[in-house]
């Protein structure tokens, strides 16, 4: 019975590095998942200064990493 436990332990220890990922691979996969193939959205940017403030509204569209468009809808 001890040989079976030892065999399973050794198999587990030696097979773990084969399934591990580097930090670079994890970040790349997360970035690809966040980027997606296309996106669209509506945003409001508020600029607040001590003497004045301003609000800009915009719509955005993107297709992959090559194309993007921002349309300002309100000054």
C-alpha atoms as a PDB file:
ATOM      1  CA  UNK A   1       0.000   0.000   0.000  1.00  0.00           C
ATOM      2  CA  UNK A   2       2.890   2.381   0.733  1.00  0.00           C
ATOM      3  CA  UNK A   3       4.301   1.837  -2.768  1.00  0.00           C
ATOM      4  CA  UNK A   4       0.965   2.920  -4.248  1.00  0.00           C
ATOM      5  CA  UNK A   5       0.884   6.102  -2.145  1.00  0.00           C
ATOM      6  CA  UNK A   6       4.499   6.873  -3.036  1.00  0.00           C
ATOM      7  CA  UNK A   7       3.809   6.291  -6.720  1.00  0.00           C
ATOM      8  CA  UNK A   8       0.794   8.616  -6.666  1.00  0.00           C
ATOM      9  CA  UNK A   9       2.749  11.277  -4.804  1.00  0.00           C
ATOM     10  CA  UNK A  10       5.657  11.146  -7.249  1.00  0.00           C
ATOM     11  CA  UNK A  11       3.313  11.202 -10.241  1.00  0.00           C
ATOM     12  CA  UNK A  12       1.520  14.260  -8.842  1.00  0.00           C
ATOM     13  CA  UNK A  13       4.744  16.121  -8.067  1.00  0.00           C
ATOM     14  CA  UNK A  14       6.301  15.477 -11.476  1.00  0.00           C
ATOM     15  CA  UNK A  15       3.156  16.249 -13.469  1.00  0.00           C
ATOM     16  CA  UNK A  16       2.448  19.648 -11.829  1.00  0.00           C
ATOM     17  CA  UNK A  17       5.107  21.659 -13.715  1.00  0.00           C
ATOM     18  CA  UNK A  18       3.677  20.451 -17.035  1.00  0.00           C
ATOM     19  CA  UNK A  19       0.326  22.110 -16.283  1.00  0.00           C
ATOM     20  CA  UNK A  20       1.619  25.341 -14.733  1.00  0.00           C
ATOM     21  CA  UNK A  21       1.552  28.680 -16.557  1.00  0.00           C
ATOM     22  CA  UNK A  22       3.958  31.557 -16.378  1.00  0.00           C
ATOM     23  CA  UNK A  23       2.832  34.992 -15.246  1.00  0.00           C
ATOM     24  CA  UNK A  24       3.254  36.271 -18.814  1.00  0.00           C
ATOM     25  CA  UNK A  25       0.902  33.599 -20.177  1.00  0.00           C
ATOM     26  CA  UNK A  26      -1.730  34.371 -17.533  1.00  0.00           C
ATOM     27  CA  UNK A  27      -1.596  38.121 -18.265  1.00  0.00           C
ATOM     28  CA  UNK A  28      -1.759  37.518 -22.027  1.00  0.00           C
ATOM     29  CA  UNK A  29      -4.842  35.289 -21.654  1.00  0.00           C
ATOM     30  CA  UNK A  30      -6.549  37.836 -19.384  1.00  0.00           C
ATOM     31  CA  UNK A  31      -5.786  40.651 -21.822  1.00  0.00           C
ATOM     32  CA  UNK A  32      -7.187  38.655 -24.759  1.00  0.00           C
ATOM     33  CA  UNK A  33     -10.362  37.898 -22.787  1.00  0.00           C
ATOM     34  CA  UNK A  34     -10.814  41.564 -21.831  1.00  0.00           C
ATOM     35  CA  UNK A  35     -10.064  42.843 -25.351  1.00  0.00           C
ATOM     36  CA  UNK A  36     -12.541  40.610 -27.128  1.00  0.00           C
ATOM     37  CA  UNK A  37     -13.354  41.047 -30.808  1.00  0.00           C
ATOM     38  CA  UNK A  38     -15.509  44.179 -30.609  1.00  0.00           C
ATOM     39  CA  UNK A  39     -16.968  46.566 -28.067  1.00  0.00           C
ATOM     40  CA  UNK A  40     -19.214  49.594 -27.784  1.00  0.00           C
ATOM     41  CA  UNK A  41     -20.064  51.920 -24.948  1.00  0.00           C
ATOM     42  CA  UNK A  42     -21.255  55.288 -23.739  1.00  0.00           C
ATOM     43  CA  UNK A  43     -19.137  57.343 -21.356  1.00  0.00           C
ATOM     44  CA  UNK A  44     -19.187  60.591 -19.452  1.00  0.00           C
ATOM     45  CA  UNK A  45     -15.904  62.333 -18.653  1.00  0.00           C
ATOM     46  CA  UNK A  46     -16.055  64.909 -15.867  1.00  0.00           C
ATOM     47  CA  UNK A  47     -13.275  67.458 -15.550  1.00  0.00           C
ATOM     48  CA  UNK A  48     -13.323  69.204 -12.194  1.00  0.00           C
ATOM     49  CA  UNK A  49     -10.944  72.086 -11.495  1.00  0.00           C
ATOM     50  CA  UNK A  50     -10.916  74.519  -8.554  1.00  0.00           C
ATOM     51  CA  UNK A  51     -12.527  77.307 -10.616  1.00  0.00           C
ATOM     52  CA  UNK A  52     -14.599  75.407 -13.184  1.00  0.00           C
ATOM     53  CA  UNK A  53     -15.939  72.008 -14.220  1.00  0.00           C
ATOM     54  CA  UNK A  54     -16.936  70.444 -17.516  1.00  0.00           C
ATOM     55  CA  UNK A  55     -18.713  67.297 -18.634  1.00  0.00           C
ATOM     56  CA  UNK A  56     -18.180  65.584 -22.000  1.00  0.00           C
ATOM     57  CA  UNK A  57     -20.399  62.752 -23.217  1.00  0.00           C
ATOM     58  CA  UNK A  58     -19.206  60.287 -25.852  1.00  0.00           C
ATOM     59  CA  UNK A  59     -20.031  57.019 -27.595  1.00  0.00           C
ATOM     60  CA  UNK A  60     -17.268  54.557 -28.456  1.00  0.00           C
ATOM     61  CA  UNK A  61     -16.910  51.601 -30.801  1.00  0.00           C
ATOM     62  CA  UNK A  62     -13.924  49.307 -31.370  1.00  0.00           C
ATOM     63  CA  UNK A  63     -13.143  46.318 -33.537  1.00  0.00           C
ATOM     64  CA  UNK A  64     -10.164  44.315 -32.325  1.00  0.00           C
ATOM     65  CA  UNK A  65      -6.994  46.309 -31.763  1.00  0.00           C
ATOM     66  CA  UNK A  66      -6.924  47.938 -35.209  1.00  0.00           C
ATOM     67  CA  UNK A  67     -10.088  50.055 -35.387  1.00  0.00           C
ATOM     68  CA  UNK A  68     -11.780  52.419 -32.945  1.00  0.00           C
ATOM     69  CA  UNK A  69     -14.129  55.393 -33.141  1.00  0.00           C
ATOM     70  CA  UNK A  70     -15.128  57.963 -30.527  1.00  0.00           C
ATOM     71  CA  UNK A  71     -18.095  60.240 -31.166  1.00  0.00           C
ATOM     72  CA  UNK A  72     -18.476  63.265 -28.873  1.00  0.00           C
ATOM     73  CA  UNK A  73     -22.225  63.685 -28.304  1.00  0.00           C
ATOM     74  CA  UNK A  74     -22.241  66.638 -25.891  1.00  0.00           C
ATOM     75  CA  UNK A  75     -19.670  69.306 -25.137  1.00  0.00           C
END
